[in-house]
Amino acid sequence: MKRGRRSRIRRDLRQEILAFIARWYRQERTYPTVREIQKGLKISSPSVVDYHLRRLEQEDLITRVGRRSRGIRLRRWPDGLAPEEDLIPIPFLGPIAAGEPIPHPDAEPLGWIRIPRPWLADGNGLFALRVQGDSMIDALVGDGDLIIVKPAPEVEDGEMAVVWLTDRHETTLKRVYREGDRVRLQPAHPTMSPLYVPAEAIRIQGKVIQVLRNLNGLPLPVEP
């Protein structure tokens, strides 16, 4: 058998495994074991299933929780539709744009987005904002993307954060670097220069932990 055909057959089998995991979860409300996948798809041995699961994990399509027999978790559902109980509701607080600070995370949300549970270790306290502008485009954060933010008063140097400039009453999304008594707010754009502000003139409102890309040019949906 030619190598190209073997590779195609393996990719097809991995797609079958993904579809089987999704079907099993929807029917049983739990994830299948390796042996259940082997039996359900009539695969020759558990080691073959395990090989393909490792490949799916490398492709960021699944994750596996420790050594638990039912430790498989889907990171991306084959049809894009995760079961309702496997979605975490995240409050949407509006756009992040220069000129106005974002609402406090305890404010009334403007809507909700729902994130598959395996994408996040913990959904408590998180909030979502819609990016306006391309200042972080080289960090793969573009106009119209949604960012998931974890409230935090501090971030490590180089982390992407939502920063309130207290003296300007403006909010910006930048990488943060502390340099003595000032802070460098670094864009990720080839034509934009960093912004230097006194350390006492900023307030970190949270760090970005997830980006939902706006790939088709249409706004990502937010539920009312």
Protein backbone atom coordinates (compact mmCIF):
# COMPACT_ATOMS: atom_id res chain seq x y z
CA MET A 1 0.00 0.00 0.00
CA LYS A 2 1.38 3.41 -0.93
CA ARG A 3 2.37 5.80 1.86
CA GLY A 4 -0.13 8.50 0.81
CA ARG A 5 -3.01 6.05 0.94
CA ARG A 6 -1.94 4.74 4.35
CA SER A 7 -1.80 8.29 5.71
CA ARG A 8 -5.27 9.02 4.35
CA ILE A 9 -6.67 5.85 5.93
CA ARG A 10 -5.14 6.81 9.28
CA ARG A 11 -6.60 10.32 9.10
CA ASP A 12 -10.01 8.86 8.25
CA LEU A 13 -9.78 6.51 11.24
CA ARG A 14 -8.95 9.41 13.55
CA GLN A 15 -12.02 11.26 12.29
CA GLU A 16 -14.09 8.13 12.98
CA ILE A 17 -12.67 8.00 16.51
CA LEU A 18 -13.59 11.65 17.09
CA ALA A 19 -17.12 11.07 15.82
CA PHE A 20 -17.45 7.93 17.98
CA ILE A 21 -16.34 9.82 21.11
CA ALA A 22 -18.90 12.56 20.42
CA ARG A 23 -21.73 10.05 19.78
CA TRP A 24 -20.85 8.09 22.91
CA TYR A 25 -20.86 11.20 25.08
CA ARG A 26 -24.22 12.37 23.77
CA GLN A 27 -25.77 8.96 24.45
CA GLU A 28 -24.05 8.02 27.71
CA ARG A 29 -23.17 11.45 29.16
CA THR A 30 -19.66 10.18 29.84
CA TYR A 31 -16.57 9.62 27.71
CA PRO A 32 -15.63 6.16 26.35
CA THR A 33 -12.62 4.12 27.41
CA VAL A 34 -9.95 2.97 24.98
CA ARG A 35 -11.46 -0.53 24.92
CA GLU A 36 -14.94 0.81 24.26
CA ILE A 37 -13.59 2.74 21.28
CA GLN A 38 -11.76 -0.39 20.08
CA LYS A 39 -14.87 -2.53 20.37
CA GLY A 40 -17.24 0.06 18.93
CA LEU A 41 -15.13 0.69 15.83
CA LYS A 42 -13.78 -2.87 15.54
CA ILE A 43 -10.16 -1.69 15.72
CA SER A 44 -7.56 -4.44 15.92
CA SER A 45 -6.11 -3.61 19.36
CA PRO A 46 -6.19 -1.05 22.20
CA SER A 47 -2.64 0.01 21.29
CA VAL A 48 -3.84 1.13 17.84
CA VAL A 49 -6.58 3.21 19.49
CA ASP A 50 -4.04 4.66 21.92
CA TYR A 51 -1.72 5.61 19.03
CA HIS A 52 -4.48 7.54 17.28
CA LEU A 53 -5.57 9.19 20.52
CA ARG A 54 -2.02 10.44 21.01
CA ARG A 55 -2.06 11.87 17.50
CA LEU A 56 -5.40 13.57 18.14
CA GLU A 57 -3.95 15.03 21.33
CA GLN A 58 -0.96 16.38 19.40
CA GLU A 59 -3.39 17.99 16.96
CA ASP A 60 -5.17 19.66 19.92
CA LEU A 61 -8.44 17.89 19.11
CA ILE A 62 -8.65 16.03 22.42
CA THR A 63 -7.05 16.14 25.83
CA ARG A 64 -6.53 13.29 28.30
CA VAL A 65 -6.88 13.66 32.05
CA GLY A 66 -4.10 11.78 33.82
CA ARG A 67 -4.35 8.00 33.76
CA ARG A 68 -8.11 7.85 34.20
CA SER A 69 -9.81 5.21 32.05
CA ARG A 70 -12.46 7.77 31.08
CA GLY A 71 -9.99 10.63 30.89
CA ILE A 72 -10.57 11.51 27.22
CA ARG A 73 -12.01 14.99 26.65
CA LEU A 74 -12.95 16.54 23.32
CA ARG A 75 -11.44 19.98 22.75
CA ARG A 76 -13.20 20.40 19.42
CA TRP A 77 -16.46 18.66 18.62
CA PRO A 78 -16.56 17.12 15.12
CA ASP A 79 -19.76 18.97 14.20
CA GLY A 80 -18.87 22.06 16.24
CA LEU A 81 -21.84 21.46 18.57
CA ALA A 82 -20.97 20.45 22.11
CA PRO A 83 -23.76 19.20 24.39
CA GLU A 84 -25.36 22.00 26.40
CA GLU A 85 -24.16 20.63 29.74
CA ASP A 86 -20.57 20.57 28.46
CA LEU A 87 -20.57 24.33 27.78
CA ILE A 88 -19.47 27.02 30.23
CA PRO A 89 -21.37 30.34 30.01
CA ILE A 90 -19.02 33.34 30.00
CA PRO A 91 -20.42 36.89 30.44
CA PHE A 92 -19.76 39.24 27.53
CA LEU A 93 -19.00 42.77 28.76
CA GLY A 94 -18.64 44.55 25.43
CA PRO A 95 -15.77 45.82 23.26
CA ILE A 96 -12.28 46.71 24.37
CA ALA A 97 -11.50 50.02 22.71
CA ALA A 98 -9.52 53.14 23.55
CA GLY A 99 -11.62 55.92 25.01
CA GLU A 100 -13.68 54.13 27.63
CA PRO A 101 -12.87 51.68 30.41
CA ILE A 102 -14.51 48.27 30.28
CA PRO A 103 -17.23 47.57 32.83
CA HIS A 104 -16.22 45.95 36.10
CA PRO A 105 -16.44 42.13 35.82
CA ASP A 106 -19.34 42.20 38.30
CA ALA A 107 -21.34 44.50 35.99
CA GLU A 108 -24.46 43.32 34.20
CA PRO A 109 -23.31 41.41 31.08
CA LEU A 110 -24.41 42.52 27.62
CA GLY A 111 -24.71 38.88 26.58
CA TRP A 112 -23.15 35.45 26.93
CA ILE A 113 -20.84 33.17 25.01
CA ARG A 114 -20.61 29.45 25.70
CA ILE A 115 -17.24 27.73 25.71
CA PRO A 116 -16.68 23.94 25.65
CA ARG A 117 -15.64 22.91 29.15
CA PRO A 118 -12.41 21.14 28.08
CA TRP A 119 -11.06 24.43 26.70
CA LEU A 120 -10.87 25.97 30.16
CA ALA A 121 -9.50 24.68 33.44
CA ASP A 122 -11.89 26.87 35.43
CA GLY A 123 -14.64 29.16 34.18
CA ASN A 124 -15.23 30.99 37.48
CA GLY A 125 -14.95 34.77 37.25
CA LEU A 126 -14.01 34.87 33.57
CA PHE A 127 -15.42 37.46 31.18
CA ALA A 128 -15.31 38.06 27.43
CA LEU A 129 -14.55 41.17 25.38
CA ARG A 130 -14.65 41.86 21.65
CA VAL A 131 -11.43 43.27 20.23
CA GLN A 132 -11.60 46.46 18.19
CA GLY A 133 -8.50 47.23 16.15
CA ASP A 134 -5.40 45.37 14.99
CA SER A 135 -2.75 46.44 17.50
CA MET A 136 -2.19 42.78 18.53
CA ILE A 137 -2.45 41.22 15.07
CA ASP A 138 1.03 39.62 15.21
CA ALA A 139 -0.08 37.83 18.39
CA LEU A 140 -2.97 36.38 16.33
CA VAL A 141 -5.53 38.67 17.96
CA GLY A 142 -7.41 40.66 15.36
CA ASP A 143 -10.33 43.01 14.92
CA GLY A 144 -13.60 41.26 15.82
CA ASP A 145 -11.99 38.43 17.81
CA LEU A 146 -13.34 37.55 21.23
CA ILE A 147 -10.90 37.31 24.13
CA ILE A 148 -11.55 35.40 27.35
CA VAL A 149 -10.10 37.27 30.32
CA LYS A 150 -9.30 36.08 33.83
CA PRO A 151 -9.47 38.93 36.37
CA ALA A 152 -6.03 39.54 37.87
CA PRO A 153 -4.39 42.56 39.51
CA GLU A 154 -0.95 41.57 38.19
CA VAL A 155 0.52 39.69 35.23
CA GLU A 156 3.96 38.36 34.39
CA ASP A 157 6.18 40.34 32.02
CA GLY A 158 5.21 39.54 28.44
CA GLU A 159 1.68 38.38 29.22
CA MET A 160 -1.21 39.88 27.28
CA ALA A 161 -3.48 41.89 29.53
CA VAL A 162 -6.44 44.23 29.61
CA VAL A 163 -4.99 47.46 31.04
CA TRP A 164 -6.87 50.52 32.26
CA LEU A 165 -4.89 53.75 31.91
CA THR A 166 -6.26 55.55 34.94
CA ASP A 167 -5.12 59.06 34.04
CA ARG A 168 -6.51 58.81 30.49
CA HIS A 169 -9.63 56.79 31.28
CA GLU A 170 -8.74 54.48 28.41
CA THR A 171 -8.50 50.73 28.17
CA THR A 172 -6.03 48.90 25.97
CA LEU A 173 -5.02 45.35 25.14
CA LYS A 174 -1.23 44.96 25.17
CA ARG A 175 1.66 42.87 26.42
CA VAL A 176 2.89 44.25 29.75
CA TYR A 177 6.54 44.80 30.71
CA ARG A 178 7.56 46.50 33.96
CA GLU A 179 10.69 48.63 33.60
CA GLY A 180 11.58 50.32 36.86
CA ASP A 181 9.05 53.02 37.72
CA ARG A 182 7.31 52.77 34.35
CA VAL A 183 5.45 50.14 32.37
CA ARG A 184 5.91 49.37 28.69
CA LEU A 185 2.67 48.41 26.94
CA GLN A 186 3.82 46.58 23.85
CA PRO A 187 1.60 46.16 20.78
CA ALA A 188 2.08 43.26 18.40
CA HIS A 189 1.96 45.24 15.18
CA PRO A 190 4.89 46.11 12.88
CA THR A 191 3.98 49.80 12.53
CA MET A 192 2.93 50.58 16.11
CA SER A 193 5.27 51.80 18.84
CA PRO A 194 5.09 50.80 22.50
CA LEU A 195 3.36 53.02 25.02
CA TYR A 196 5.29 53.97 28.16
CA VAL A 197 3.29 54.98 31.23
CA PRO A 198 4.10 55.52 34.92
CA ALA A 199 3.55 52.37 36.96
CA GLU A 200 1.06 54.16 39.20
CA ALA A 201 -1.03 55.22 36.18
CA ILE A 202 -2.21 51.75 35.15
CA ARG A 203 -4.51 49.12 36.58
CA ILE A 204 -4.42 45.56 35.31
CA GLN A 205 -7.98 44.34 34.87
CA GLY A 206 -7.16 40.82 33.77
CA LYS A 207 -5.00 38.59 31.62
CA VAL A 208 -6.02 36.97 28.35
CA ILE A 209 -6.29 33.19 28.60
CA GLN A 210 -8.16 32.34 25.38
CA VAL A 211 -8.75 33.91 21.97
CA LEU A 212 -11.72 33.02 19.76
CA ARG A 213 -10.70 33.95 16.24
CA ASN A 214 -12.96 35.80 13.83
CA LEU A 215 -11.82 33.89 10.74
CA ASN A 216 -14.65 34.48 8.27
CA GLY A 217 -15.00 38.24 8.63
CA LEU A 218 -18.33 37.95 10.43
CA PRO A 219 -18.78 38.90 14.11
CA LEU A 220 -18.63 35.93 16.44
CA PRO A 221 -22.07 35.34 17.95
CA VAL A 222 -22.99 36.48 21.45
CA GLU A 223 -26.20 35.21 23.04
CA PRO A 224 -28.51 37.78 24.66
